[in-house]
Protein backbone atom coordinates (compact mmCIF):
# COMPACT_ATOMS: atom_id res chain seq x y z
CA UNK A 1 -32.86 -7.54 4.83
CA UNK A 2 -32.26 -7.91 1.07
CA UNK A 3 -29.46 -9.86 -0.47
CA UNK A 4 -27.45 -8.15 -3.17
CA UNK A 5 -25.22 -9.78 -5.77
CA UNK A 6 -21.93 -8.07 -6.52
CA UNK A 7 -19.65 -8.56 -9.46
CA UNK A 8 -16.14 -7.17 -9.91
CA UNK A 9 -15.60 -5.48 -13.25
CA UNK A 10 -11.93 -6.41 -13.29
CA UNK A 11 -11.61 -9.99 -11.97
CA UNK A 12 -15.28 -10.98 -12.59
CA UNK A 13 -15.55 -12.39 -9.08
CA UNK A 14 -19.25 -12.74 -8.02
CA UNK A 15 -20.56 -12.91 -4.47
CA UNK A 16 -23.76 -12.22 -2.47
CA UNK A 17 -23.93 -9.88 0.46
CA UNK A 18 -26.86 -9.20 2.80
CA UNK A 19 -27.21 -5.55 3.82
CA UNK A 20 -29.84 -2.93 4.68
CA UNK A 21 -31.56 -1.07 1.91
CA UNK A 22 -30.22 2.22 3.35
CA UNK A 23 -26.62 0.94 3.71
CA UNK A 24 -23.98 2.24 1.27
CA UNK A 25 -23.21 -0.27 -1.47
CA UNK A 26 -19.78 -1.90 -1.59
CA UNK A 27 -17.48 -0.28 -4.03
CA UNK A 28 -14.09 -2.07 -3.94
CA UNK A 29 -13.37 -5.74 -4.61
CA UNK A 30 -11.61 -7.52 -1.73
CA UNK A 31 -9.64 -9.73 -4.12
CA UNK A 32 -8.23 -7.27 -6.65
CA UNK A 33 -9.33 -3.84 -5.47
CA UNK A 34 -11.40 -3.38 -8.67
CA UNK A 35 -14.74 -1.65 -9.03
CA UNK A 36 -17.88 -3.58 -7.93
CA UNK A 37 -21.31 -3.52 -9.59
CA UNK A 38 -24.37 -4.35 -7.41
CA UNK A 39 -27.38 -6.29 -8.57
CA UNK A 40 -30.47 -7.43 -6.68
CA UNK A 41 -29.98 -10.97 -5.49
CA UNK A 42 -32.32 -13.87 -6.03
CA UNK A 43 -33.60 -13.62 -2.47
CA UNK A 44 -34.87 -16.45 -0.34
CA UNK A 45 -37.79 -18.77 -0.58
CA UNK A 46 -41.06 -18.43 1.31
CA UNK A 47 -40.81 -19.43 4.93
CA UNK A 48 -43.93 -20.83 6.53
CA UNK A 49 -44.12 -20.69 10.37
CA UNK A 50 -46.64 -22.32 12.64
CA UNK A 51 -48.23 -25.67 13.15
CA UNK A 52 -49.47 -26.04 9.57
CA UNK A 53 -52.30 -25.26 7.19
CA UNK A 54 -55.56 -27.03 7.32
CA UNK A 55 -58.61 -27.07 5.06
CA UNK A 56 -60.66 -25.42 7.87
CA UNK A 57 -58.33 -22.43 8.04
CA UNK A 58 -59.64 -20.83 4.95
CA UNK A 59 -62.95 -22.38 4.11
CA UNK A 60 -66.36 -21.85 5.79
CA UNK A 61 -69.05 -24.56 5.92
CA UNK A 62 -70.88 -23.02 2.93
CA UNK A 63 -67.89 -23.72 0.58
CA UNK A 64 -67.59 -27.43 1.29
CA UNK A 65 -68.95 -29.89 -1.20
């Protein structure tokens, strides 16, 4: 689910909000009831799952020196 960054055009408040791509964007600022503009957020970092990565996971015997 992507994270979007919103900014109010009136009070300049900025916040991030996670929502589905198909969801309607937020339109009204909760602080001042002004108009919001939506930007794509910075996202998150890469998450590695599992026991780890080893030299033998990607190399065959012919590639070893």
